[in-house]
Structures are given as structure tokens and as C-alpha cells.
Amino acid sequence: MGGAISALAGASFFLQADKGGASLTNLAGCAFLGGVFFLISALRLKSAEQNG
């Protein structure tokens, strides 16, 4: 799931790079969401390790 999200984000950045007025706002949003995703994944793995 994370790989697909990253691929879509990368394609989006690639398409937006050619437009005028490009900014890092979208990149920051993607980085934040990626961080949240990996935090949730880590918490789930830790929970599974404790229960397993």
C-alpha cells in the first residue's frame, strides 16, 4: 500500500514540476502523510509482536 501511495505521489510531483509556480507545499504534505503512515505501521507491528 505504501509503495503505491509513493508511486502516485512521485508521478504527481513529476507532472507538477513543469508547471509555473511550483512549490514544496505538496511535498511537505506527502512527507507528513508518509510519516503518519509509517508511524501507524510501526505501532501495528509492535502490537502484533506483543500479542503473537
PDB file of N, CA and C in Angstrom:
ATOM      1  N   MET A   1       0.828  -1.199   0.000  1.00  0.00           N
ATOM      2  CA  MET A   1       0.000   0.000   0.000  1.00  0.00           C
ATOM      3  C   MET A   1       0.867   1.255   0.000  1.00  0.00           C
ATOM      4  N   GLY A   2       1.891   1.259   0.853  1.00  0.00           N
ATOM      5  CA  GLY A   2       2.763   2.424   0.935  1.00  0.00           C
ATOM      6  C   GLY A   2       3.503   2.683  -0.363  1.00  0.00           C
ATOM      7  N   GLY A   3       3.894   1.614  -1.052  1.00  0.00           N
ATOM      8  CA  GLY A   3       4.589   1.764  -2.325  1.00  0.00           C
ATOM      9  C   GLY A   3       3.710   2.396  -3.387  1.00  0.00           C
ATOM     10  N   ALA A   4       2.446   2.002  -3.415  1.00  0.00           N
ATOM     11  CA  ALA A   4       1.512   2.571  -4.388  1.00  0.00           C
ATOM     12  C   ALA A   4       1.290   4.055  -4.119  1.00  0.00           C
ATOM     13  N   ILE A   5       1.172   4.415  -2.851  1.00  0.00           N
ATOM     14  CA  ILE A   5       0.989   5.819  -2.492  1.00  0.00           C
ATOM     15  C   ILE A   5       2.220   6.624  -2.900  1.00  0.00           C
ATOM     16  N   SER A   6       3.396   6.077  -2.657  1.00  0.00           N
ATOM     17  CA  SER A   6       4.633   6.759  -3.033  1.00  0.00           C
ATOM     18  C   SER A   6       4.738   6.920  -4.550  1.00  0.00           C
ATOM     19  N   ALA A   7       4.344   5.896  -5.283  1.00  0.00           N
ATOM     20  CA  ALA A   7       4.388   5.974  -6.746  1.00  0.00           C
ATOM     21  C   ALA A   7       3.441   7.052  -7.263  1.00  0.00           C
ATOM     22  N   LEU A   8       2.259   7.121  -6.713  1.00  0.00           N
ATOM     23  CA  LEU A   8       1.308   8.159  -7.121  1.00  0.00           C
ATOM     24  C   LEU A   8       1.823   9.551  -6.767  1.00  0.00           C
ATOM     25  N   ALA A   9       2.402   9.676  -5.590  1.00  0.00           N
ATOM     26  CA  ALA A   9       2.945  10.974  -5.185  1.00  0.00           C
ATOM     27  C   ALA A   9       4.091  11.377  -6.109  1.00  0.00           C
ATOM     28  N   GLY A  10       4.969  10.439  -6.435  1.00  0.00           N
ATOM     29  CA  GLY A  10       6.082  10.727  -7.329  1.00  0.00           C
ATOM     30  C   GLY A  10       5.607  11.158  -8.706  1.00  0.00           C
ATOM     31  N   ALA A  11       4.614  10.476  -9.240  1.00  0.00           N
ATOM     32  CA  ALA A  11       4.050  10.853 -10.537  1.00  0.00           C
ATOM     33  C   ALA A  11       3.439  12.245 -10.471  1.00  0.00           C
ATOM     34  N   SER A  12       2.765  12.525  -9.371  1.00  0.00           N
ATOM     35  CA  SER A  12       2.169  13.851  -9.189  1.00  0.00           C
ATOM     36  C   SER A  12       3.239  14.936  -9.172  1.00  0.00           C
ATOM     37  N   PHE A  13       4.340  14.710  -8.451  1.00  0.00           N
ATOM     38  CA  PHE A  13       5.426  15.695  -8.397  1.00  0.00           C
ATOM     39  C   PHE A  13       6.050  15.881  -9.777  1.00  0.00           C
ATOM     40  N   PHE A  14       6.216  14.786 -10.491  1.00  0.00           N
ATOM     41  CA  PHE A  14       6.802  14.845 -11.826  1.00  0.00           C
ATOM     42  C   PHE A  14       5.941  15.692 -12.752  1.00  0.00           C
ATOM     43  N   LEU A  15       4.628  15.495 -12.712  1.00  0.00           N
ATOM     44  CA  LEU A  15       3.725  16.246 -13.579  1.00  0.00           C
ATOM     45  C   LEU A  15       3.650  17.719 -13.182  1.00  0.00           C
ATOM     46  N   GLN A  16       3.766  18.022 -11.900  1.00  0.00           N
ATOM     47  CA  GLN A  16       3.677  19.397 -11.437  1.00  0.00           C
ATOM     48  C   GLN A  16       4.978  20.169 -11.614  1.00  0.00           C
ATOM     49  N   ALA A  17       6.090  19.480 -11.793  1.00  0.00           N
ATOM     50  CA  ALA A  17       7.397  20.138 -11.874  1.00  0.00           C
ATOM     51  C   ALA A  17       7.500  21.063 -13.083  1.00  0.00           C
ATOM     52  N   ASP A  18       6.765  20.757 -14.136  1.00  0.00           N
ATOM     53  CA  ASP A  18       6.838  21.550 -15.357  1.00  0.00           C
ATOM     54  C   ASP A  18       5.958  22.804 -15.292  1.00  0.00           C
ATOM     55  N   LYS A  19       5.062  22.864 -14.325  1.00  0.00           N
ATOM     56  CA  LYS A  19       4.144  23.997 -14.211  1.00  0.00           C
ATOM     57  C   LYS A  19       4.837  25.166 -13.523  1.00  0.00           C
ATOM     58  N   GLY A  20       4.441  26.362 -13.888  1.00  0.00           N
ATOM     59  CA  GLY A  20       4.990  27.548 -13.239  1.00  0.00           C
ATOM     60  C   GLY A  20       4.481  27.671 -11.818  1.00  0.00           C
ATOM     61  N   GLY A  21       5.281  28.255 -10.952  1.00  0.00           N
ATOM     62  CA  GLY A  21       4.862  28.472  -9.569  1.00  0.00           C
ATOM     63  C   GLY A  21       4.877  27.215  -8.722  1.00  0.00           C
ATOM     64  N   ALA A  22       5.697  26.242  -9.101  1.00  0.00           N
ATOM     65  CA  ALA A  22       5.783  25.003  -8.320  1.00  0.00           C
ATOM     66  C   ALA A  22       6.314  25.331  -6.920  1.00  0.00           C
ATOM     67  N   SER A  23       5.803  24.632  -5.927  1.00  0.00           N
ATOM     68  CA  SER A  23       6.243  24.874  -4.551  1.00  0.00           C
ATOM     69  C   SER A  23       6.466  23.546  -3.841  1.00  0.00           C
ATOM     70  N   LEU A  24       6.987  23.624  -2.648  1.00  0.00           N
ATOM     71  CA  LEU A  24       7.242  22.421  -1.862  1.00  0.00           C
ATOM     72  C   LEU A  24       6.067  22.064  -0.954  1.00  0.00           C
ATOM     73  N   THR A  25       4.970  22.770  -1.062  1.00  0.00           N
ATOM     74  CA  THR A  25       3.822  22.511  -0.197  1.00  0.00           C
ATOM     75  C   THR A  25       3.307  21.090  -0.366  1.00  0.00           C
ATOM     76  N   ASN A  26       3.168  20.649  -1.603  1.00  0.00           N
ATOM     77  CA  ASN A  26       2.680  19.282  -1.837  1.00  0.00           C
ATOM     78  C   ASN A  26       3.662  18.245  -1.318  1.00  0.00           C
ATOM     79  N   LEU A  27       4.945  18.526  -1.466  1.00  0.00           N
ATOM     80  CA  LEU A  27       5.964  17.605  -0.966  1.00  0.00           C
ATOM     81  C   LEU A  27       5.894  17.500   0.554  1.00  0.00           C
ATOM     82  N   ALA A  28       5.688  18.625   1.221  1.00  0.00           N
ATOM     83  CA  ALA A  28       5.577  18.619   2.678  1.00  0.00           C
ATOM     84  C   ALA A  28       4.355  17.821   3.127  1.00  0.00           C
ATOM     85  N   GLY A  29       3.258  17.973   2.424  1.00  0.00           N
ATOM     86  CA  GLY A  29       2.054  17.215   2.754  1.00  0.00           C
ATOM     87  C   GLY A  29       2.263  15.726   2.581  1.00  0.00           C
ATOM     88  N   CYS A  30       2.942  15.355   1.513  1.00  0.00           N
ATOM     89  CA  CYS A  30       3.225  13.938   1.268  1.00  0.00           C
ATOM     90  C   CYS A  30       4.155  13.383   2.336  1.00  0.00           C
ATOM     91  N   ALA A  31       5.168  14.159   2.701  1.00  0.00           N
ATOM     92  CA  ALA A  31       6.107  13.712   3.738  1.00  0.00           C
ATOM     93  C   ALA A  31       5.390  13.521   5.072  1.00  0.00           C
ATOM     94  N   PHE A  32       4.492  14.430   5.399  1.00  0.00           N
ATOM     95  CA  PHE A  32       3.733  14.307   6.654  1.00  0.00           C
ATOM     96  C   PHE A  32       2.861  13.057   6.640  1.00  0.00           C
ATOM     97  N   LEU A  33       2.119  12.862   5.552  1.00  0.00           N
ATOM     98  CA  LEU A  33       1.248  11.683   5.470  1.00  0.00           C
ATOM     99  C   LEU A  33       2.055  10.393   5.463  1.00  0.00           C
ATOM    100  N   GLY A  34       3.208  10.413   4.808  1.00  0.00           N
ATOM    101  CA  GLY A  34       4.084   9.238   4.824  1.00  0.00           C
ATOM    102  C   GLY A  34       4.572   8.931   6.225  1.00  0.00           C
ATOM    103  N   GLY A  35       4.921   9.981   6.974  1.00  0.00           N
ATOM    104  CA  GLY A  35       5.355   9.795   8.358  1.00  0.00           C
ATOM    105  C   GLY A  35       4.259   9.205   9.224  1.00  0.00           C
ATOM    106  N   VAL A  36       3.035   9.691   9.046  1.00  0.00           N
ATOM    107  CA  VAL A  36       1.896   9.151   9.803  1.00  0.00           C
ATOM    108  C   VAL A  36       1.672   7.690   9.435  1.00  0.00           C
ATOM    109  N   PHE A  37       1.746   7.383   8.140  1.00  0.00           N
ATOM    110  CA  PHE A  37       1.552   6.009   7.682  1.00  0.00           C
ATOM    111  C   PHE A  37       2.576   5.072   8.314  1.00  0.00           C
ATOM    112  N   PHE A  38       3.853   5.471   8.310  1.00  0.00           N
ATOM    113  CA  PHE A  38       4.890   4.608   8.867  1.00  0.00           C
ATOM    114  C   PHE A  38       4.792   4.525  10.387  1.00  0.00           C
ATOM    115  N   LEU A  39       4.341   5.565  11.051  1.00  0.00           N
ATOM    116  CA  LEU A  39       4.127   5.510  12.496  1.00  0.00           C
ATOM    117  C   LEU A  39       3.031   4.502  12.826  1.00  0.00           C
ATOM    118  N   ILE A  40       1.938   4.552  12.090  1.00  0.00           N
ATOM    119  CA  ILE A  40       0.841   3.597  12.309  1.00  0.00           C
ATOM    120  C   ILE A  40       1.328   2.173  12.041  1.00  0.00           C
ATOM    121  N   SER A  41       2.107   2.000  10.980  1.00  0.00           N
ATOM    122  CA  SER A  41       2.642   0.671  10.666  1.00  0.00           C
ATOM    123  C   SER A  41       3.526   0.155  11.787  1.00  0.00           C
ATOM    124  N   ALA A  42       4.381   1.015  12.327  1.00  0.00           N
ATOM    125  CA  ALA A  42       5.273   0.607  13.413  1.00  0.00           C
ATOM    126  C   ALA A  42       4.480   0.225  14.657  1.00  0.00           C
ATOM    127  N   LEU A  43       3.453   0.994  14.965  1.00  0.00           N
ATOM    128  CA  LEU A  43       2.626   0.678  16.140  1.00  0.00           C
ATOM    129  C   LEU A  43       1.889  -0.638  15.961  1.00  0.00           C
ATOM    130  N   ARG A  44       1.413  -0.893  14.748  1.00  0.00           N
ATOM    131  CA  ARG A  44       0.731  -2.165  14.489  1.00  0.00           C
ATOM    132  C   ARG A  44       1.681  -3.340  14.596  1.00  0.00           C
ATOM    133  N   LEU A  45       2.908  -3.175  14.082  1.00  0.00           N
ATOM    134  CA  LEU A  45       3.880  -4.254  14.181  1.00  0.00           C
ATOM    135  C   LEU A  45       4.258  -4.521  15.628  1.00  0.00           C
ATOM    136  N   LYS A  46       4.424  -3.470  16.419  1.00  0.00           N
ATOM    137  CA  LYS A  46       4.759  -3.641  17.829  1.00  0.00           C
ATOM    138  C   LYS A  46       3.627  -4.351  18.568  1.00  0.00           C
ATOM    139  N   SER A  47       2.394  -3.975  18.253  1.00  0.00           N
ATOM    140  CA  SER A  47       1.236  -4.623  18.873  1.00  0.00           C
ATOM    141  C   SER A  47       1.158  -6.095  18.485  1.00  0.00           C
ATOM    142  N   ALA A  48       1.401  -6.396  17.222  1.00  0.00           N
ATOM    143  CA  ALA A  48       1.362  -7.782  16.753  1.00  0.00           C
ATOM    144  C   ALA A  48       2.473  -8.599  17.408  1.00  0.00           C
ATOM    145  N   GLU A  49       3.632  -7.988  17.624  1.00  0.00           N
ATOM    146  CA  GLU A  49       4.749  -8.675  18.262  1.00  0.00           C
ATOM    147  C   GLU A  49       4.416  -9.007  19.716  1.00  0.00           C
ATOM    148  N   GLN A  50       3.757  -8.099  20.399  1.00  0.00           N
ATOM    149  CA  GLN A  50       3.407  -8.328  21.804  1.00  0.00           C
ATOM    150  C   GLN A  50       2.295  -9.351  21.949  1.00  0.00           C
ATOM    151  N   ASN A  51       1.394  -9.393  20.974  1.00  0.00           N
ATOM    152  CA  ASN A  51       0.265 -10.326  21.046  1.00  0.00           C
ATOM    153  C   ASN A  51       0.602 -11.691  20.457  1.00  0.00           C
ATOM    154  N   GLY A  52       1.662 -11.778  19.685  1.00  0.00           N
ATOM    155  CA  GLY A  52       1.981 -13.007  18.979  1.00  0.00           C
ATOM    156  C   GLY A  52       2.950 -13.821  19.712  1.00  0.00           C
TER     157      GLY A  52
END
